[in-house]
Amino acid sequence: MTAKYFVDTNIVLYTIGKDPRKTSIARGLVADYPVLSAQVVNESINVCLKKLAFDKAKAYAFAESIMRRTQVVAIDEITIRKSALLAMRYQLSNWDALIVAAALLSDCEILYSEDMQDGQKFEGKLMVKNPFL
C-alpha cells in the first residue's frame, strides 16, 4: 500500500519550474493524486501572479490543472483550531501550521516540502520529506 501524502506549495510550483530535476520529481509527485489544501492552490496562484508574472487567465488555468490532479481539502474552523495548537507546540509559522494541520486531518503519512525540516515528525503520524535531497 502506498502512503497517503500531502504536497506543499513549493512542490506544486516546481511542476512548472526551470530546474529539470526538480520539475521531474514534482510532476511525479503530483501525478500520483496527492492531497493538498485550498491554501496551497491559492498560494500557487499568488506566486504565479506576483513572481512569475502570469496573467490571470494563465494563473487560474494552472490552478485548474493542479486541482484536476489532486485531492483539494478545505481550510475550515477545525483546521484553523488544529493549526493554532500545532503552531504553538512546534513553533511553526501560521501558514506552515495550516499545511501541517490539513495534512494531519486528511490522514496523510507524508508531507512533501522543501521548506520544512526534512525528517520532522508531527504527532507521531506525519513525516516531512524533502523530495529533492
N, C-alpha and C. Protein backbone atom coordinates (compact mmCIF):
# COMPACT_ATOMS: atom_id res chain seq x y z
N MET A 1 0.84 -1.18 0.00
CA MET A 1 0.00 0.00 0.00
C MET A 1 0.89 1.25 0.00
N THR A 2 0.55 2.19 -0.83
CA THR A 2 1.28 3.44 -0.90
C THR A 2 0.75 4.40 0.16
N ALA A 3 1.66 5.09 0.83
CA ALA A 3 1.28 6.05 1.88
C ALA A 3 0.56 7.24 1.25
N LYS A 4 -0.48 7.70 1.93
CA LYS A 4 -1.20 8.90 1.50
C LYS A 4 -0.32 10.09 1.82
N TYR A 5 -0.17 11.01 0.86
CA TYR A 5 0.73 12.13 1.10
C TYR A 5 0.14 13.47 0.65
N PHE A 6 0.72 14.52 1.23
CA PHE A 6 0.31 15.91 1.02
C PHE A 6 1.48 16.63 0.37
N VAL A 7 1.19 17.53 -0.56
CA VAL A 7 2.26 18.31 -1.17
C VAL A 7 2.10 19.79 -0.81
N ASP A 8 3.22 20.41 -0.47
CA ASP A 8 3.29 21.82 -0.11
C ASP A 8 3.32 22.66 -1.39
N THR A 9 3.14 23.93 -1.25
CA THR A 9 3.09 24.87 -2.38
C THR A 9 4.35 24.79 -3.24
N ASN A 10 5.52 24.68 -2.62
CA ASN A 10 6.75 24.67 -3.41
C ASN A 10 6.79 23.47 -4.36
N ILE A 11 6.23 22.35 -3.95
CA ILE A 11 6.20 21.17 -4.83
C ILE A 11 5.32 21.46 -6.04
N VAL A 12 4.15 22.03 -5.80
CA VAL A 12 3.24 22.39 -6.89
C VAL A 12 3.93 23.33 -7.87
N LEU A 13 4.62 24.33 -7.36
CA LEU A 13 5.27 25.31 -8.23
C LEU A 13 6.44 24.72 -9.01
N TYR A 14 7.12 23.75 -8.44
CA TYR A 14 8.21 23.12 -9.19
C TYR A 14 7.72 22.33 -10.39
N THR A 15 6.42 22.03 -10.46
CA THR A 15 5.91 21.35 -11.66
C THR A 15 6.05 22.22 -12.90
N ILE A 16 6.20 23.53 -12.69
CA ILE A 16 6.41 24.45 -13.82
C ILE A 16 7.74 25.19 -13.70
N GLY A 17 8.64 24.61 -12.93
CA GLY A 17 9.92 25.25 -12.69
C GLY A 17 10.91 25.09 -13.82
N LYS A 18 12.08 25.70 -13.64
CA LYS A 18 13.12 25.68 -14.67
C LYS A 18 14.23 24.66 -14.37
N ASP A 19 14.22 24.08 -13.17
CA ASP A 19 15.20 23.06 -12.81
C ASP A 19 14.65 21.70 -13.26
N PRO A 20 15.23 21.10 -14.29
CA PRO A 20 14.67 19.87 -14.85
C PRO A 20 14.54 18.72 -13.83
N ARG A 21 15.53 18.60 -12.95
CA ARG A 21 15.47 17.52 -11.95
C ARG A 21 14.31 17.73 -10.99
N LYS A 22 14.19 18.94 -10.45
CA LYS A 22 13.11 19.23 -9.50
C LYS A 22 11.75 19.18 -10.19
N THR A 23 11.68 19.66 -11.42
CA THR A 23 10.41 19.61 -12.16
C THR A 23 9.96 18.17 -12.35
N SER A 24 10.88 17.31 -12.71
CA SER A 24 10.54 15.90 -12.91
C SER A 24 10.04 15.25 -11.61
N ILE A 25 10.71 15.51 -10.51
CA ILE A 25 10.31 14.95 -9.22
C ILE A 25 8.94 15.49 -8.82
N ALA A 26 8.75 16.80 -8.94
CA ALA A 26 7.47 17.41 -8.56
C ALA A 26 6.33 16.88 -9.42
N ARG A 27 6.55 16.77 -10.70
CA ARG A 27 5.50 16.25 -11.58
C ARG A 27 5.15 14.80 -11.23
N GLY A 28 6.17 14.03 -10.87
CA GLY A 28 5.91 12.66 -10.45
C GLY A 28 5.05 12.59 -9.20
N LEU A 29 5.31 13.49 -8.25
CA LEU A 29 4.52 13.52 -7.02
C LEU A 29 3.08 13.95 -7.30
N VAL A 30 2.90 14.95 -8.13
CA VAL A 30 1.55 15.44 -8.43
C VAL A 30 0.79 14.44 -9.29
N ALA A 31 1.48 13.66 -10.10
CA ALA A 31 0.82 12.68 -10.96
C ALA A 31 0.15 11.55 -10.18
N ASP A 32 0.54 11.36 -8.92
CA ASP A 32 0.02 10.25 -8.13
C ASP A 32 -1.15 10.66 -7.24
N TYR A 33 -1.88 11.70 -7.61
CA TYR A 33 -3.09 12.19 -6.94
C TYR A 33 -2.88 12.45 -5.44
N PRO A 34 -1.98 13.39 -5.11
CA PRO A 34 -1.75 13.71 -3.70
C PRO A 34 -2.87 14.58 -3.12
N VAL A 35 -2.78 14.80 -1.83
CA VAL A 35 -3.67 15.73 -1.14
C VAL A 35 -2.96 17.07 -1.07
N LEU A 36 -3.73 18.14 -1.20
CA LEU A 36 -3.24 19.48 -0.91
C LEU A 36 -4.44 20.28 -0.44
N SER A 37 -4.18 21.44 0.10
CA SER A 37 -5.28 22.25 0.64
C SER A 37 -5.59 23.42 -0.28
N ALA A 38 -6.75 24.01 -0.03
CA ALA A 38 -7.13 25.22 -0.76
C ALA A 38 -6.07 26.30 -0.58
N GLN A 39 -5.43 26.32 0.57
CA GLN A 39 -4.34 27.27 0.82
C GLN A 39 -3.22 27.09 -0.20
N VAL A 40 -2.83 25.85 -0.46
CA VAL A 40 -1.75 25.57 -1.41
C VAL A 40 -2.14 26.05 -2.81
N VAL A 41 -3.38 25.82 -3.21
CA VAL A 41 -3.84 26.29 -4.52
C VAL A 41 -3.74 27.81 -4.58
N ASN A 42 -4.23 28.48 -3.54
CA ASN A 42 -4.23 29.94 -3.55
C ASN A 42 -2.83 30.54 -3.46
N GLU A 43 -1.96 29.92 -2.68
CA GLU A 43 -0.56 30.39 -2.64
C GLU A 43 0.10 30.23 -4.01
N SER A 44 -0.22 29.14 -4.69
CA SER A 44 0.34 28.91 -6.03
C SER A 44 -0.13 29.96 -7.02
N ILE A 45 -1.42 30.28 -6.96
CA ILE A 45 -1.95 31.34 -7.82
C ILE A 45 -1.24 32.65 -7.54
N ASN A 46 -1.08 32.97 -6.27
CA ASN A 46 -0.42 34.23 -5.89
C ASN A 46 1.01 34.31 -6.42
N VAL A 47 1.77 33.22 -6.29
CA VAL A 47 3.15 33.20 -6.80
C VAL A 47 3.14 33.35 -8.32
N CYS A 48 2.23 32.67 -8.98
CA CYS A 48 2.16 32.79 -10.44
C CYS A 48 1.90 34.23 -10.86
N LEU A 49 1.01 34.91 -10.14
CA LEU A 49 0.68 36.28 -10.49
C LEU A 49 1.78 37.26 -10.12
N LYS A 50 2.33 37.12 -8.92
CA LYS A 50 3.27 38.12 -8.39
C LYS A 50 4.72 37.88 -8.81
N LYS A 51 5.18 36.64 -8.74
CA LYS A 51 6.59 36.37 -9.00
C LYS A 51 6.86 35.87 -10.42
N LEU A 52 5.92 35.13 -10.98
CA LEU A 52 6.14 34.56 -12.31
C LEU A 52 5.51 35.41 -13.41
N ALA A 53 4.82 36.46 -13.02
CA ALA A 53 4.20 37.42 -13.96
C ALA A 53 3.22 36.76 -14.92
N PHE A 54 2.51 35.73 -14.45
CA PHE A 54 1.44 35.14 -15.26
C PHE A 54 0.29 36.14 -15.32
N ASP A 55 -0.44 36.14 -16.43
CA ASP A 55 -1.69 36.89 -16.42
C ASP A 55 -2.72 36.03 -15.67
N LYS A 56 -3.85 36.63 -15.35
CA LYS A 56 -4.84 35.92 -14.53
C LYS A 56 -5.33 34.64 -15.20
N ALA A 57 -5.57 34.70 -16.49
CA ALA A 57 -6.06 33.52 -17.19
C ALA A 57 -5.08 32.35 -17.07
N LYS A 58 -3.80 32.64 -17.23
CA LYS A 58 -2.78 31.59 -17.16
C LYS A 58 -2.63 31.07 -15.72
N ALA A 59 -2.67 31.97 -14.75
CA ALA A 59 -2.55 31.55 -13.34
C ALA A 59 -3.71 30.66 -12.93
N TYR A 60 -4.92 31.05 -13.31
CA TYR A 60 -6.09 30.25 -12.94
C TYR A 60 -6.15 28.95 -13.73
N ALA A 61 -5.68 28.95 -14.95
CA ALA A 61 -5.61 27.71 -15.73
C ALA A 61 -4.62 26.74 -15.08
N PHE A 62 -3.50 27.26 -14.59
CA PHE A 62 -2.54 26.41 -13.88
C PHE A 62 -3.20 25.82 -12.63
N ALA A 63 -3.89 26.65 -11.87
CA ALA A 63 -4.58 26.17 -10.66
C ALA A 63 -5.59 25.08 -11.01
N GLU A 64 -6.32 25.31 -12.07
CA GLU A 64 -7.32 24.31 -12.51
C GLU A 64 -6.64 22.99 -12.86
N SER A 65 -5.51 23.05 -13.55
CA SER A 65 -4.81 21.81 -13.92
C SER A 65 -4.30 21.07 -12.68
N ILE A 66 -3.86 21.81 -11.67
CA ILE A 66 -3.41 21.18 -10.43
C ILE A 66 -4.59 20.56 -9.69
N MET A 67 -5.70 21.29 -9.62
CA MET A 67 -6.87 20.77 -8.89
C MET A 67 -7.43 19.51 -9.52
N ARG A 68 -7.31 19.37 -10.83
CA ARG A 68 -7.78 18.15 -11.50
C ARG A 68 -6.92 16.95 -11.15
N ARG A 69 -5.68 17.18 -10.75
CA ARG A 69 -4.73 16.09 -10.49
C ARG A 69 -4.54 15.77 -9.00
N THR A 70 -5.29 16.46 -8.14
CA THR A 70 -5.07 16.34 -6.71
C THR A 70 -6.40 16.27 -5.96
N GLN A 71 -6.31 15.90 -4.70
CA GLN A 71 -7.47 15.97 -3.81
C GLN A 71 -7.31 17.26 -3.00
N VAL A 72 -8.16 18.23 -3.25
CA VAL A 72 -8.08 19.52 -2.57
C VAL A 72 -8.99 19.49 -1.34
N VAL A 73 -8.39 19.78 -0.17
CA VAL A 73 -9.17 19.82 1.06
C VAL A 73 -9.34 21.27 1.51
N ALA A 74 -10.46 21.51 2.17
CA ALA A 74 -10.80 22.86 2.61
C ALA A 74 -10.03 23.23 3.88
N ILE A 75 -9.89 24.52 4.07
CA ILE A 75 -9.40 25.06 5.34
C ILE A 75 -10.64 25.57 6.06
N ASP A 76 -11.03 24.86 7.12
CA ASP A 76 -12.22 25.24 7.86
C ASP A 76 -11.84 25.56 9.31
N GLU A 77 -12.83 25.78 10.16
CA GLU A 77 -12.52 26.17 11.53
C GLU A 77 -11.82 25.05 12.30
N ILE A 78 -12.09 23.81 11.98
CA ILE A 78 -11.39 22.70 12.63
C ILE A 78 -9.91 22.75 12.28
N THR A 79 -9.62 22.99 11.01
CA THR A 79 -8.23 23.09 10.55
C THR A 79 -7.52 24.27 11.21
N ILE A 80 -8.21 25.39 11.31
CA ILE A 80 -7.61 26.58 11.92
C ILE A 80 -7.31 26.34 13.40
N ARG A 81 -8.24 25.72 14.10
CA ARG A 81 -8.01 25.43 15.53
C ARG A 81 -6.84 24.46 15.72
N LYS A 82 -6.79 23.43 14.88
CA LYS A 82 -5.68 22.47 14.97
C LYS A 82 -4.36 23.16 14.63
N SER A 83 -4.38 24.04 13.63
CA SER A 83 -3.15 24.72 13.24
C SER A 83 -2.63 25.61 14.36
N ALA A 84 -3.53 26.23 15.12
CA ALA A 84 -3.10 27.08 16.24
C ALA A 84 -2.36 26.25 17.28
N LEU A 85 -2.87 25.07 17.58
CA LEU A 85 -2.20 24.19 18.54
C LEU A 85 -0.84 23.74 18.01
N LEU A 86 -0.80 23.38 16.74
CA LEU A 86 0.46 22.95 16.12
C LEU A 86 1.48 24.08 16.07
N ALA A 87 1.03 25.28 15.74
CA ALA A 87 1.94 26.43 15.66
C ALA A 87 2.61 26.66 17.00
N MET A 88 1.84 26.55 18.08
CA MET A 88 2.42 26.77 19.41
C MET A 88 3.29 25.60 19.86
N ARG A 89 2.83 24.39 19.62
CA ARG A 89 3.58 23.21 20.07
C ARG A 89 4.92 23.05 19.34
N TYR A 90 4.90 23.29 18.03
CA TYR A 90 6.09 23.04 17.21
C TYR A 90 6.79 24.32 16.75
N GLN A 91 6.34 25.47 17.20
CA GLN A 91 6.92 26.75 16.81
C GLN A 91 6.91 26.95 15.30
N LEU A 92 5.75 26.69 14.69
CA LEU A 92 5.58 26.85 13.24
C LEU A 92 4.98 28.21 12.92
N SER A 93 5.24 28.67 11.72
CA SER A 93 4.53 29.87 11.26
C SER A 93 3.05 29.50 11.10
N ASN A 94 2.20 30.49 11.06
CA ASN A 94 0.78 30.26 10.85
C ASN A 94 0.54 29.47 9.57
N TRP A 95 1.22 29.85 8.49
CA TRP A 95 0.99 29.22 7.19
C TRP A 95 1.47 27.77 7.17
N ASP A 96 2.64 27.50 7.76
CA ASP A 96 3.12 26.12 7.83
C ASP A 96 2.21 25.28 8.73
N ALA A 97 1.74 25.86 9.82
CA ALA A 97 0.84 25.13 10.72
C ALA A 97 -0.46 24.75 10.01
N LEU A 98 -0.97 25.62 9.16
CA LEU A 98 -2.18 25.29 8.39
C LEU A 98 -1.94 24.12 7.44
N ILE A 99 -0.76 24.09 6.84
CA ILE A 99 -0.40 22.98 5.94
C ILE A 99 -0.33 21.67 6.73
N VAL A 100 0.37 21.71 7.86
CA VAL A 100 0.53 20.51 8.68
C VAL A 100 -0.84 20.05 9.20
N ALA A 101 -1.66 20.97 9.65
CA ALA A 101 -2.99 20.62 10.16
C ALA A 101 -3.84 19.97 9.06
N ALA A 102 -3.82 20.55 7.88
CA ALA A 102 -4.60 19.98 6.77
C ALA A 102 -4.11 18.58 6.42
N ALA A 103 -2.80 18.38 6.44
CA ALA A 103 -2.23 17.06 6.14
C ALA A 103 -2.64 16.05 7.21
N LEU A 104 -2.53 16.43 8.48
CA LEU A 104 -2.91 15.53 9.57
C LEU A 104 -4.39 15.20 9.52
N LEU A 105 -5.23 16.19 9.33
CA LEU A 105 -6.68 15.96 9.28
C LEU A 105 -7.11 15.14 8.07
N SER A 106 -6.25 15.08 7.07
CA SER A 106 -6.52 14.27 5.87
C SER A 106 -5.91 12.87 5.98
N ASP A 107 -5.36 12.56 7.16
CA ASP A 107 -4.75 11.25 7.42
C ASP A 107 -3.57 10.94 6.51
N CYS A 108 -2.81 11.97 6.16
CA CYS A 108 -1.60 11.76 5.37
C CYS A 108 -0.48 11.28 6.27
N GLU A 109 0.40 10.48 5.70
CA GLU A 109 1.56 9.98 6.43
C GLU A 109 2.82 10.78 6.10
N ILE A 110 2.83 11.40 4.91
CA ILE A 110 4.00 12.13 4.44
C ILE A 110 3.56 13.52 3.99
N LEU A 111 4.38 14.50 4.31
CA LEU A 111 4.21 15.87 3.82
C LEU A 111 5.46 16.20 3.02
N TYR A 112 5.32 16.30 1.70
CA TYR A 112 6.45 16.66 0.87
C TYR A 112 6.58 18.18 0.84
N SER A 113 7.75 18.65 1.28
CA SER A 113 8.01 20.08 1.34
C SER A 113 9.50 20.33 1.28
N GLU A 114 9.87 21.38 0.60
CA GLU A 114 11.27 21.81 0.58
C GLU A 114 11.53 22.81 1.70
N ASP A 115 10.47 23.41 2.23
CA ASP A 115 10.61 24.49 3.19
C ASP A 115 10.64 24.06 4.65
N MET A 116 10.15 22.88 4.94
CA MET A 116 10.13 22.41 6.33
C MET A 116 11.28 21.44 6.55
N GLN A 117 11.55 21.16 7.80
CA GLN A 117 12.70 20.33 8.17
C GLN A 117 12.49 18.88 7.75
N ASP A 118 13.36 18.40 6.87
CA ASP A 118 13.29 17.01 6.42
C ASP A 118 13.42 16.07 7.62
N GLY A 119 12.52 15.12 7.71
CA GLY A 119 12.55 14.14 8.79
C GLY A 119 11.74 14.52 10.01
N GLN A 120 11.27 15.76 10.08
CA GLN A 120 10.47 16.16 11.24
C GLN A 120 9.16 15.38 11.24
N LYS A 121 8.75 14.97 12.43
CA LYS A 121 7.52 14.21 12.57
C LYS A 121 6.55 15.00 13.43
N PHE A 122 5.30 15.02 13.02
CA PHE A 122 4.24 15.71 13.74
C PHE A 122 3.24 14.70 14.29
N GLU A 123 2.99 14.81 15.57
CA GLU A 123 2.02 13.97 16.28
C GLU A 123 2.25 12.48 16.07
N GLY A 124 3.48 12.11 15.82
CA GLY A 124 3.82 10.70 15.64
C GLY A 124 3.23 10.07 14.40
N LYS A 125 2.63 10.88 13.51
CA LYS A 125 1.92 10.35 12.35
C LYS A 125 2.44 10.87 11.01
N LEU A 126 2.80 12.14 10.98
CA LEU A 126 3.11 12.82 9.72
C LEU A 126 4.59 13.13 9.65
N MET A 127 5.25 12.63 8.62
CA MET A 127 6.68 12.85 8.42
C MET A 127 6.91 13.81 7.26
N VAL A 128 7.74 14.82 7.51
CA VAL A 128 8.13 15.76 6.44
C VAL A 128 9.26 15.14 5.65
N LYS A 129 9.13 15.17 4.33
CA LYS A 129 10.19 14.69 3.45
C LYS A 129 10.46 15.74 2.38
N ASN A 130 11.74 16.05 2.22
CA ASN A 130 12.16 16.91 1.12
C ASN A 130 12.49 16.00 -0.04
N PRO A 131 11.69 15.99 -1.09
CA PRO A 131 11.92 15.04 -2.17
C PRO A 131 13.12 15.36 -3.04
N PHE A 132 13.74 16.52 -2.81
CA PHE A 132 14.85 16.94 -3.65
C PHE A 132 16.23 16.63 -3.03
N LEU A 133 16.25 16.09 -1.84
CA LEU A 133 17.52 15.74 -1.20
C LEU A 133 18.09 14.48 -1.78
